[in-house]
Amino acid sequence: MKAGESHSVPTVHFADPPASCVSEKSEKSEVLAKVSQVHEKPLKGPPIASICKLFSLVDFKESLILLLGLLGAIGNGVTQPVVLVVFGDLIDGMGSSSVPVELPANVTPEQMALLMDDAMDGMMSEMERL
């Protein structure tokens, strides 16, 4: 190469893409343009209020309803562990027996009914004790 001559770069020609690809690309570019326009606009909405501001606008009726809701939520949270303990003791009492029972091989339906009545009486007395 001599001084003053420019180096030429060979150009490469690609085949034109199919029309379906061109339309998809133009649709994608349109969608991207719309999305960028949406994100550039500032969001308009109601002003954000603080909790103190919200509670300062409450009247007597609303504060009474809020107080009742708060007491109900506290009551619900306290009673759940108590109910678990009570029903746990109840189930434990039903599962245990103070007198071992051995059934003979040939029990009549009348005898079985008497045994069931005795078992129910035992469970009821255990529930009354709890």
Foldseek 3Di string as FASTA:
>chain_A
DDPPDDDDDDDDDDDDDDPVVVVVVVVVVVVVVVVVVVVVDDDDDDDDDDPVVVVVPDDPVRVVVVVVVVVVVVVVVVVPVVVVVLVVQLVVQLVDDPDDDDDDPDDDPVNVVVVVVVSVVSSVVSNVVD
